[in-house]
Amino acid sequence: MIADLGLTSMARGRHALRTGQLLTKSAAVEEARAPAWLVDQLRARRHGHAIASPRARTAWIAWRDARTTTRMARRQRF
């Protein structure tokens, strides 16, 4: 799911900019800026379970996280 990729990519990017270290995809799921129900679903999909998230809501959450993260990166605030 593209939203999963967006949420984990933003978590990995924030971590890298903050610490200079890479973050695994599994660890990025735990640091995703998403509601608990969505993090649970991300975790389940990462473990191979066929879980469907509400498309529009999940996409909006991922878009909002990407927008916030890129704004913070421009201002160098993490």
C-alpha atoms as a PDB file:
ATOM      1  CA  MET A   1       0.000   0.000   0.000  1.00  0.00           C
ATOM      2  CA  ILE A   2       1.392   3.391  -0.999  1.00  0.00           C
ATOM      3  CA  ALA A   3       0.288   5.057   2.242  1.00  0.00           C
ATOM      4  CA  ASP A   4       2.346   2.513   4.211  1.00  0.00           C
ATOM      5  CA  LEU A   5       5.376   3.436   2.147  1.00  0.00           C
ATOM      6  CA  GLY A   6       4.754   7.133   2.730  1.00  0.00           C
ATOM      7  CA  LEU A   7       4.347   6.792   6.493  1.00  0.00           C
ATOM      8  CA  THR A   8       7.416   4.594   6.934  1.00  0.00           C
ATOM      9  CA  SER A   9       9.509   6.738   4.574  1.00  0.00           C
ATOM     10  CA  MET A  10       8.698   9.888   6.516  1.00  0.00           C
ATOM     11  CA  ALA A  11       9.544   8.149   9.816  1.00  0.00           C
ATOM     12  CA  ARG A  12      12.844   6.926   8.369  1.00  0.00           C
ATOM     13  CA  GLY A  13      13.638  10.377   6.964  1.00  0.00           C
ATOM     14  CA  ARG A  14      12.911  12.151  10.254  1.00  0.00           C
ATOM     15  CA  HIS A  15      15.090   9.676  12.116  1.00  0.00           C
ATOM     16  CA  ALA A  16      17.963  10.028   9.643  1.00  0.00           C
ATOM     17  CA  LEU A  17      17.852  13.821   9.730  1.00  0.00           C
ATOM     18  CA  ARG A  18      17.652  13.849  13.525  1.00  0.00           C
ATOM     19  CA  THR A  19      20.319  11.225  14.296  1.00  0.00           C
ATOM     20  CA  GLY A  20      22.293  10.591  11.115  1.00  0.00           C
ATOM     21  CA  GLN A  21      21.444   6.899  11.472  1.00  0.00           C
ATOM     22  CA  LEU A  22      19.317   4.670   9.279  1.00  0.00           C
ATOM     23  CA  LEU A  23      16.138   3.147  10.665  1.00  0.00           C
ATOM     24  CA  THR A  24      14.804  -0.264   9.657  1.00  0.00           C
ATOM     25  CA  LYS A  25      11.387  -0.489   8.045  1.00  0.00           C
ATOM     26  CA  SER A  26      10.032  -2.436  11.016  1.00  0.00           C
ATOM     27  CA  ALA A  27      11.292   0.210  13.439  1.00  0.00           C
ATOM     28  CA  ALA A  28       9.848   2.924  11.196  1.00  0.00           C
ATOM     29  CA  VAL A  29       6.382   1.400  11.587  1.00  0.00           C
ATOM     30  CA  GLU A  30       6.693   1.958  15.330  1.00  0.00           C
ATOM     31  CA  GLU A  31       7.697   5.603  14.773  1.00  0.00           C
ATOM     32  CA  ALA A  32       5.045   6.391  12.169  1.00  0.00           C
ATOM     33  CA  ARG A  33       3.006   9.482  12.978  1.00  0.00           C
ATOM     34  CA  ALA A  34      -0.356   7.824  12.626  1.00  0.00           C
ATOM     35  CA  PRO A  35      -3.215   6.836  14.917  1.00  0.00           C
ATOM     36  CA  ALA A  36      -2.729   3.645  16.926  1.00  0.00           C
ATOM     37  CA  TRP A  37      -5.261   1.727  14.812  1.00  0.00           C
ATOM     38  CA  LEU A  38      -3.298   2.502  11.653  1.00  0.00           C
ATOM     39  CA  VAL A  39       0.061   1.629  13.217  1.00  0.00           C
ATOM     40  CA  ASP A  40      -1.465  -1.714  14.247  1.00  0.00           C
ATOM     41  CA  GLN A  41      -2.549  -2.273  10.647  1.00  0.00           C
ATOM     42  CA  LEU A  42       0.877  -1.255   9.304  1.00  0.00           C
ATOM     43  CA  ARG A  43       2.495  -3.717  11.690  1.00  0.00           C
ATOM     44  CA  ALA A  44       0.114  -6.497  10.638  1.00  0.00           C
ATOM     45  CA  ARG A  45       0.776  -5.904   6.929  1.00  0.00           C
ATOM     46  CA  ARG A  46       4.524  -5.851   7.623  1.00  0.00           C
ATOM     47  CA  HIS A  47       4.088  -9.342   9.116  1.00  0.00           C
ATOM     48  CA  GLY A  48       2.258 -10.542   6.005  1.00  0.00           C
ATOM     49  CA  HIS A  49      -1.366 -10.326   7.130  1.00  0.00           C
ATOM     50  CA  ALA A  50      -3.982  -9.220   4.609  1.00  0.00           C
ATOM     51  CA  ILE A  51      -5.402  -6.170   6.392  1.00  0.00           C
ATOM     52  CA  ALA A  52      -7.298  -3.454   4.535  1.00  0.00           C
ATOM     53  CA  SER A  53      -7.237   0.126   5.779  1.00  0.00           C
ATOM     54  CA  PRO A  54      -9.824   2.751   4.847  1.00  0.00           C
ATOM     55  CA  ARG A  55      -8.262   4.195   1.694  1.00  0.00           C
ATOM     56  CA  ALA A  56      -9.258   7.844   1.861  1.00  0.00           C
ATOM     57  CA  ARG A  57      -8.580   8.251   5.571  1.00  0.00           C
ATOM     58  CA  THR A  58      -5.228   6.433   5.382  1.00  0.00           C
ATOM     59  CA  ALA A  59      -4.176   8.474   2.344  1.00  0.00           C
ATOM     60  CA  TRP A  60      -5.077  11.716   4.119  1.00  0.00           C
ATOM     61  CA  ILE A  61      -3.054  10.710   7.202  1.00  0.00           C
ATOM     62  CA  ALA A  62      -0.037   9.831   5.041  1.00  0.00           C
ATOM     63  CA  TRP A  63      -0.342  13.037   3.018  1.00  0.00           C
ATOM     64  CA  ARG A  64      -0.580  15.149   6.175  1.00  0.00           C
ATOM     65  CA  ASP A  65       2.499  13.438   7.634  1.00  0.00           C
ATOM     66  CA  ALA A  66       4.494  13.996   4.436  1.00  0.00           C
ATOM     67  CA  ARG A  67       3.485  17.663   4.321  1.00  0.00           C
ATOM     68  CA  THR A  68       4.384  18.220   7.977  1.00  0.00           C
ATOM     69  CA  THR A  69       7.684  16.355   7.710  1.00  0.00           C
ATOM     70  CA  THR A  70       8.825  18.238   4.607  1.00  0.00           C
ATOM     71  CA  ARG A  71       7.914  21.572   6.211  1.00  0.00           C
ATOM     72  CA  MET A  72       9.883  20.637   9.311  1.00  0.00           C
ATOM     73  CA  ALA A  73      12.839  19.528   7.174  1.00  0.00           C
ATOM     74  CA  ARG A  74      12.921  22.893   5.431  1.00  0.00           C
ATOM     75  CA  ARG A  75      12.997  24.595   8.822  1.00  0.00           C
ATOM     76  CA  GLN A  76      15.335  21.970  10.337  1.00  0.00           C
ATOM     77  CA  ARG A  77      13.044  21.308  13.320  1.00  0.00           C
ATOM     78  CA  PHE A  78      12.760  17.758  14.533  1.00  0.00           C
END
